[in-house]
């Protein structure tokens, strides 16, 4: 989390990122070490942010966590983001029709990573290990692979070169992505998702640019080829439906796919 900071604004932003991303909050000492700032400096910022309701002390009196005002502002940003708001409606429809736990994953191009933004729990009990809003490598589960398959080869190369989880022969991974493009969806069982098989299809906007993915988590027990075919078709249909709502007619997406991946043939 430590980075070069040139002013008060940088310091406050870094502090807020630290508090927001730590599941159990951070102590004054932990923030001081993470930001490489004196405890007295951190304490002054925390006092001011606390007075505004942005941060607060947890019940243990030691860990700083997000305050109610921070939650309120964050909720407003999410609610007013068209992609997230519209996608959640489609996600609910997908969960209703399949009865399974479904996810909305978003691509974060500047960080070259992804995150699971929303989850709707299905009617069947399933253990899900991954957390919402955590930065994840693009080789993480079916959602990440589905998103990678919808990107330009050079962009995929750039993402994978900075992802330790994607270690291994690059050519073999591109073969996997080529298979995903043919099917229209990715499927993978990953222990980090939990005791489930994940099936995902990419989402795109009016420019044909990939913006995220819908995914379904199905209990691994009893999962077979018939289940994959059905769930794969469902996730493709719902992903394509949302992409059309976002303005993608399919033509721009197809032109990008042919143009971009023909470079690797």
Protein backbone atom coordinates (compact mmCIF):
# COMPACT_ATOMS: atom_id res chain seq x y z
CA UNK A 1 0.00 0.00 0.00
CA UNK A 2 2.96 2.31 0.55
CA UNK A 3 3.63 4.67 -2.36
CA UNK A 4 5.21 8.03 -3.06
CA UNK A 5 2.99 10.75 -1.63
CA UNK A 6 3.53 14.40 -2.44
CA UNK A 7 0.89 16.15 -0.37
CA UNK A 8 -1.95 16.01 2.10
CA UNK A 9 -4.48 14.87 -0.50
CA UNK A 10 -2.34 11.88 -1.44
CA UNK A 11 -1.95 10.96 2.22
CA UNK A 12 -5.65 11.15 2.96
CA UNK A 13 -6.54 9.08 -0.11
CA UNK A 14 -3.95 6.45 0.82
CA UNK A 15 -5.30 6.33 4.37
CA UNK A 16 -8.89 5.90 3.16
CA UNK A 17 -7.85 3.14 0.76
CA UNK A 18 -6.09 1.35 3.59
CA UNK A 19 -9.08 1.55 5.91
CA UNK A 20 -11.56 0.57 3.20
CA UNK A 21 -9.58 -2.44 1.97
CA UNK A 22 -8.74 -3.95 5.37
CA UNK A 23 -11.56 -6.37 6.36
CA UNK A 24 -11.01 -5.78 10.10
CA UNK A 25 -9.72 -2.22 9.92
CA UNK A 26 -6.20 -1.02 10.74
CA UNK A 27 -4.57 0.23 13.91
CA UNK A 28 -2.73 3.52 14.16
CA UNK A 29 0.58 1.65 14.12
CA UNK A 30 -0.41 -0.39 11.06
CA UNK A 31 -1.44 2.73 9.16
CA UNK A 32 1.77 4.47 10.14
CA UNK A 33 3.86 1.59 8.81
CA UNK A 34 1.78 1.12 5.66
CA UNK A 35 1.88 4.81 4.70
CA UNK A 36 5.39 5.42 6.04
CA UNK A 37 4.17 8.41 8.03
CA UNK A 38 4.65 9.40 11.65
CA UNK A 39 1.93 8.20 14.05
CA UNK A 40 1.25 11.81 15.02
CA UNK A 41 0.52 12.69 11.37
CA UNK A 42 -1.79 9.71 10.98
CA UNK A 43 -3.54 10.56 14.23
CA UNK A 44 -4.30 14.12 13.08
CA UNK A 45 -5.82 12.87 9.84
CA UNK A 46 -7.87 10.24 11.66
CA UNK A 47 -9.18 12.82 14.11
CA UNK A 48 -10.36 15.06 11.28
CA UNK A 49 -11.88 12.21 9.27
CA UNK A 50 -13.51 10.87 12.41
CA UNK A 51 -15.14 14.24 13.08
CA UNK A 52 -16.64 14.07 9.58
CA UNK A 53 -17.91 10.52 10.08
CA UNK A 54 -15.61 9.13 7.40
CA UNK A 55 -13.74 6.79 9.76
CA UNK A 56 -14.41 5.54 13.26
CA UNK A 57 -12.83 3.35 15.91
CA UNK A 58 -14.11 -0.20 16.00
CA UNK A 59 -15.52 -1.71 19.18
CA UNK A 60 -12.08 -2.87 20.31
CA UNK A 61 -10.96 0.77 20.49
CA UNK A 62 -7.84 0.07 18.43
CA UNK A 63 -8.83 -0.55 14.81
CA UNK A 64 -10.02 2.20 12.50
CA UNK A 65 -12.81 1.23 10.10
CA UNK A 66 -15.06 3.02 7.62
CA UNK A 67 -17.60 5.36 9.23
CA UNK A 68 -21.25 5.75 8.37
CA UNK A 69 -20.61 8.79 6.17
CA UNK A 70 -18.04 6.81 4.19
CA UNK A 71 -20.64 4.06 3.66
CA UNK A 72 -23.29 6.61 2.64
CA UNK A 73 -21.06 8.26 0.05
CA UNK A 74 -19.88 4.91 -1.30
CA UNK A 75 -23.46 3.71 -1.65
CA UNK A 76 -24.40 6.86 -3.56
CA UNK A 77 -21.52 6.38 -6.01
CA UNK A 78 -22.44 2.75 -6.62
CA UNK A 79 -26.14 3.47 -6.95
CA UNK A 80 -25.51 6.24 -9.47
CA UNK A 81 -23.18 4.16 -11.62
CA UNK A 82 -25.37 3.09 -14.51
CA UNK A 83 -23.42 -0.08 -15.28
CA UNK A 84 -23.65 -1.37 -11.73
CA UNK A 85 -27.29 -0.45 -11.26
CA UNK A 86 -28.44 -1.92 -14.56
CA UNK A 87 -26.24 -5.00 -14.23
CA UNK A 88 -27.65 -5.87 -10.83
CA UNK A 89 -31.11 -6.16 -12.34
CA UNK A 90 -29.84 -8.59 -14.95
CA UNK A 91 -27.93 -10.48 -12.29
CA UNK A 92 -31.12 -10.92 -10.26
CA UNK A 93 -32.88 -12.32 -13.34
CA UNK A 94 -30.03 -14.78 -13.93
CA UNK A 95 -30.16 -15.96 -10.31
CA UNK A 96 -33.94 -16.34 -10.47
CA UNK A 97 -33.83 -18.46 -13.62
CA UNK A 98 -30.97 -20.72 -12.56
CA UNK A 99 -31.54 -20.90 -8.81
CA UNK A 100 -27.77 -20.64 -8.36
CA UNK A 101 -25.47 -18.06 -6.77
CA UNK A 102 -24.54 -15.47 -9.38
CA UNK A 103 -21.86 -12.78 -9.54
CA UNK A 104 -21.25 -9.50 -11.32
CA UNK A 105 -17.52 -9.09 -11.94
CA UNK A 106 -16.06 -5.79 -13.14
CA UNK A 107 -12.88 -5.16 -15.09
CA UNK A 108 -10.53 -2.51 -13.64
CA UNK A 109 -8.41 -1.51 -16.66
CA UNK A 110 -6.17 1.01 -14.92
CA UNK A 111 -5.16 -1.54 -12.27
CA UNK A 112 -5.22 -4.40 -14.80
CA UNK A 113 -7.27 -6.53 -12.46
CA UNK A 114 -10.88 -7.41 -11.65
CA UNK A 115 -13.22 -7.57 -8.72
CA UNK A 116 -16.50 -9.27 -7.86
CA UNK A 117 -18.86 -6.33 -7.34
CA UNK A 118 -22.15 -8.03 -6.52
CA UNK A 119 -23.43 -11.44 -5.51
CA UNK A 120 -26.95 -12.85 -5.37
CA UNK A 121 -27.22 -16.06 -3.38
CA UNK A 122 -29.13 -18.90 -4.96
CA UNK A 123 -31.54 -21.37 -3.47
CA UNK A 124 -28.89 -24.05 -3.07
CA UNK A 125 -26.41 -23.79 -0.20
CA UNK A 126 -22.84 -23.26 -1.37
CA UNK A 127 -19.60 -22.17 0.24
CA UNK A 128 -18.08 -19.14 -1.51
CA UNK A 129 -14.52 -18.30 -0.51
CA UNK A 130 -13.96 -15.12 -2.49
CA UNK A 131 -14.77 -11.65 -1.12
CA UNK A 132 -16.61 -8.86 -2.87
CA UNK A 133 -14.68 -5.73 -3.91
CA UNK A 134 -11.25 -7.35 -3.49
CA UNK A 135 -8.72 -6.75 -6.28
CA UNK A 136 -8.06 -10.04 -8.06
CA UNK A 137 -5.75 -11.13 -10.83
CA UNK A 138 -7.36 -11.71 -14.21
CA UNK A 139 -6.36 -15.39 -14.16
CA UNK A 140 -8.69 -15.78 -11.15
CA UNK A 141 -11.54 -18.16 -11.89
CA UNK A 142 -13.85 -18.32 -14.87
CA UNK A 143 -14.88 -14.65 -14.67
CA UNK A 144 -11.32 -13.44 -15.15
CA UNK A 145 -10.69 -15.84 -18.03
CA UNK A 146 -13.95 -14.83 -19.71
CA UNK A 147 -12.92 -11.19 -19.49
CA UNK A 148 -9.41 -11.90 -20.79
CA UNK A 149 -10.89 -13.70 -23.79
CA UNK A 150 -12.69 -10.48 -24.78
CA UNK A 151 -9.59 -8.26 -24.71
CA UNK A 152 -7.01 -7.48 -27.35
CA UNK A 153 -3.99 -9.84 -27.36
CA UNK A 154 -1.53 -7.07 -26.56
CA UNK A 155 -3.64 -6.00 -23.59
CA UNK A 156 -3.82 -9.59 -22.38
CA UNK A 157 -0.03 -9.85 -22.66
CA UNK A 158 0.35 -6.72 -20.55
CA UNK A 159 -2.05 -7.97 -17.89
CA UNK A 160 -0.48 -11.41 -17.63
CA UNK A 161 3.06 -10.07 -17.46
CA UNK A 162 2.22 -8.33 -14.20
CA UNK A 163 0.20 -11.20 -12.69
CA UNK A 164 2.15 -13.74 -10.64
CA UNK A 165 -0.85 -16.08 -10.62
CA UNK A 166 -0.65 -16.36 -14.40
CA UNK A 167 2.79 -17.98 -14.32
CA UNK A 168 3.27 -20.70 -16.92
CA UNK A 169 3.43 -21.05 -20.70
CA UNK A 170 1.75 -18.05 -22.26
CA UNK A 171 0.86 -19.96 -25.42
CA UNK A 172 -1.15 -22.56 -23.50
CA UNK A 173 -3.19 -19.85 -21.79
CA UNK A 174 -3.94 -18.22 -25.14
CA UNK A 175 -5.16 -21.62 -26.34
CA UNK A 176 -7.53 -21.70 -23.36
CA UNK A 177 -8.77 -18.20 -24.22
CA UNK A 178 -9.33 -19.24 -27.84
CA UNK A 179 -11.52 -22.10 -26.60
CA UNK A 180 -13.50 -19.70 -24.42
CA UNK A 181 -14.14 -17.43 -27.40
CA UNK A 182 -15.45 -20.39 -29.40
CA UNK A 183 -17.80 -21.50 -26.61
CA UNK A 184 -18.80 -18.01 -25.55
CA UNK A 185 -18.20 -18.81 -21.87
CA UNK A 186 -15.46 -19.92 -19.48
CA UNK A 187 -15.76 -22.75 -16.97
CA UNK A 188 -13.40 -23.50 -14.11
CA UNK A 189 -13.33 -25.09 -10.69
CA UNK A 190 -11.05 -23.06 -8.43
CA UNK A 191 -10.49 -23.59 -4.71
CA UNK A 192 -10.45 -19.84 -4.21
CA UNK A 193 -14.06 -19.66 -5.38
CA UNK A 194 -15.02 -22.45 -2.98
CA UNK A 195 -16.59 -25.87 -3.49
CA UNK A 196 -18.12 -24.76 -6.76
CA UNK A 197 -17.69 -24.71 -10.50
CA UNK A 198 -17.84 -21.21 -11.97
CA UNK A 199 -19.21 -20.47 -15.45
CA UNK A 200 -18.86 -16.93 -16.83
CA UNK A 201 -19.47 -14.85 -19.95
CA UNK A 202 -18.14 -11.34 -20.69
CA UNK A 203 -20.14 -8.11 -20.78
CA UNK A 204 -19.55 -5.27 -23.24
CA UNK A 205 -20.75 -1.70 -23.72
CA UNK A 206 -21.79 0.51 -26.65
CA UNK A 207 -18.22 0.55 -28.04
CA UNK A 208 -17.96 -3.24 -27.94
CA UNK A 209 -15.40 -2.89 -25.18
CA UNK A 210 -15.41 -5.53 -22.42
CA UNK A 211 -16.47 -4.08 -19.07
CA UNK A 212 -17.05 -7.13 -16.88
CA UNK A 213 -18.70 -10.53 -16.69
CA UNK A 214 -21.66 -12.42 -15.32
CA UNK A 215 -20.84 -15.70 -13.61
CA UNK A 216 -22.71 -18.59 -12.00
CA UNK A 217 -21.32 -20.68 -9.15
CA UNK A 218 -22.66 -24.23 -9.21
CA UNK A 219 -22.00 -26.87 -6.51
CA UNK A 220 -19.22 -29.13 -7.77
CA UNK A 221 -21.00 -32.24 -6.53
CA UNK A 222 -23.18 -33.55 -9.31
CA UNK A 223 -21.93 -31.06 -11.90
CA UNK A 224 -21.85 -32.71 -15.34
CA UNK A 225 -21.78 -31.93 -19.05
CA UNK A 226 -25.53 -31.34 -19.19
CA UNK A 227 -25.32 -28.83 -16.35
CA UNK A 228 -22.44 -27.06 -18.08
CA UNK A 229 -24.35 -26.82 -21.36
CA UNK A 230 -27.46 -25.41 -19.70
CA UNK A 231 -25.66 -22.97 -17.40
CA UNK A 232 -23.33 -21.90 -20.19
CA UNK A 233 -26.28 -21.06 -22.40
CA UNK A 234 -28.00 -19.18 -19.59
CA UNK A 235 -24.98 -17.04 -18.70
CA UNK A 236 -24.35 -16.21 -22.38
CA UNK A 237 -27.98 -15.20 -22.92
CA UNK A 238 -28.07 -12.94 -19.90
CA UNK A 239 -24.63 -11.43 -20.60
CA UNK A 240 -25.61 -10.68 -24.20
CA UNK A 241 -28.95 -9.23 -23.06
CA UNK A 242 -27.23 -6.85 -20.66
CA UNK A 243 -24.62 -5.93 -23.27
CA UNK A 244 -27.43 -4.91 -25.64
CA UNK A 245 -28.98 -2.75 -22.91
CA UNK A 246 -25.58 -1.11 -22.49
CA UNK A 247 -25.62 -0.30 -26.20
CA UNK A 248 -23.61 -3.12 -27.76
CA UNK A 249 -25.42 -4.41 -30.85
CA UNK A 250 -22.98 -7.29 -31.20
CA UNK A 251 -21.51 -5.97 -34.44
CA UNK A 252 -18.80 -3.92 -32.76
CA UNK A 253 -17.97 -6.78 -30.40
CA UNK A 254 -17.60 -9.24 -33.31
CA UNK A 255 -15.47 -6.82 -35.34
CA UNK A 256 -13.15 -6.34 -32.38
CA UNK A 257 -12.85 -10.10 -31.83
CA UNK A 258 -12.03 -10.88 -35.46
CA UNK A 259 -9.64 -7.96 -35.82
CA UNK A 260 -7.84 -8.35 -32.51
CA UNK A 261 -7.35 -12.12 -32.40
CA UNK A 262 -6.52 -12.52 -36.08
CA UNK A 263 -3.20 -10.97 -35.09
CA UNK A 264 -2.31 -14.15 -33.21
CA UNK A 265 -3.18 -16.59 -35.94
